[in-house]
Amino acid sequence: MAISTDELMAAAGYLDKTDPPKPKALEGLDMFFMRAIGKLSPDGKKKVYDYIEMVDEIEKQKRQKQKKNK
């Protein structure tokens, strides 16, 4: 049985399980990002992680605001 990257990321807490599935065209980006991040220095990886955390928090706030407006 194959497990998708999205399933692994959701299980690890990096994706919200309520996020809609991404289009097939974007699936290749996961591997691109993994290879690109793998080439970074530890400091570069920390910066990417911090940026992702920031974007994730902004999107969570947007979703909460949308739920309140419904």
Protein backbone atom coordinates (compact mmCIF):
# COMPACT_ATOMS: atom_id res chain seq x y z
CA MET A 1 0.00 0.00 0.00
CA ALA A 2 1.42 3.37 -1.03
CA ILE A 3 1.11 6.41 1.20
CA SER A 4 1.01 9.84 -0.42
CA THR A 5 3.22 12.70 0.65
CA ASP A 6 0.12 14.58 1.72
CA GLU A 7 -0.92 11.74 4.03
CA LEU A 8 2.53 11.69 5.63
CA MET A 9 2.63 15.46 6.02
CA ALA A 10 -0.88 15.49 7.57
CA ALA A 11 0.04 12.67 9.94
CA ALA A 12 3.13 14.62 10.99
CA GLY A 13 1.01 17.72 11.62
CA TYR A 14 2.37 19.78 8.73
CA LEU A 15 -0.90 19.81 6.76
CA ASP A 16 -4.39 20.51 7.91
CA LYS A 17 -6.44 17.40 7.15
CA THR A 18 -9.30 19.66 6.05
CA ASP A 19 -7.19 21.18 3.25
CA PRO A 20 -8.54 20.22 -0.17
CA PRO A 21 -6.41 17.80 -2.18
CA LYS A 22 -4.02 19.55 -4.51
CA PRO A 23 -4.17 19.22 -8.27
CA LYS A 24 -1.96 16.57 -9.88
CA ALA A 25 0.10 19.34 -11.53
CA LEU A 26 1.35 20.45 -8.10
CA GLU A 27 2.36 17.03 -6.82
CA GLY A 28 5.80 17.24 -8.44
CA LEU A 29 6.51 20.36 -6.42
CA ASP A 30 6.76 18.30 -3.23
CA MET A 31 9.83 16.50 -4.52
CA PHE A 32 11.27 19.74 -5.89
CA PHE A 33 10.92 21.37 -2.47
CA MET A 34 12.40 18.37 -0.69
CA ARG A 35 15.44 18.34 -2.99
CA ALA A 36 15.89 22.12 -2.74
CA ILE A 37 15.64 22.12 1.04
CA GLY A 38 18.06 19.21 1.24
CA LYS A 39 20.73 21.35 -0.42
CA LEU A 40 20.42 24.18 2.10
CA SER A 41 22.65 24.85 5.07
CA PRO A 42 21.17 24.28 8.52
CA ASP A 43 20.59 28.04 8.77
CA GLY A 44 18.85 28.07 5.39
CA LYS A 45 16.63 25.17 6.45
CA LYS A 46 15.71 27.05 9.64
CA LYS A 47 14.74 30.11 7.59
CA VAL A 48 12.53 28.00 5.30
CA TYR A 49 10.91 26.36 8.33
CA ASP A 50 10.28 29.75 9.96
CA TYR A 51 8.75 31.10 6.75
CA ILE A 52 6.46 28.08 6.39
CA GLU A 53 5.35 28.46 10.01
CA MET A 54 4.56 32.14 9.37
CA VAL A 55 2.55 31.41 6.21
CA ASP A 56 0.72 28.59 7.98
CA GLU A 57 -0.28 30.91 10.83
CA ILE A 58 -1.52 33.58 8.39
CA GLU A 59 -3.63 31.00 6.56
CA LYS A 60 -5.07 29.66 9.83
CA GLN A 61 -6.10 33.18 10.79
CA LYS A 62 -7.74 33.68 7.38
CA ARG A 63 -9.69 30.43 7.75
CA GLN A 64 -10.85 31.40 11.23
CA LYS A 65 -11.95 34.80 9.95
CA GLN A 66 -13.86 33.18 7.08
CA LYS A 67 -15.64 30.81 9.49
CA LYS A 68 -16.70 33.76 11.66
CA ASN A 69 -18.08 35.60 8.61
CA LYS A 70 -20.28 32.68 7.55
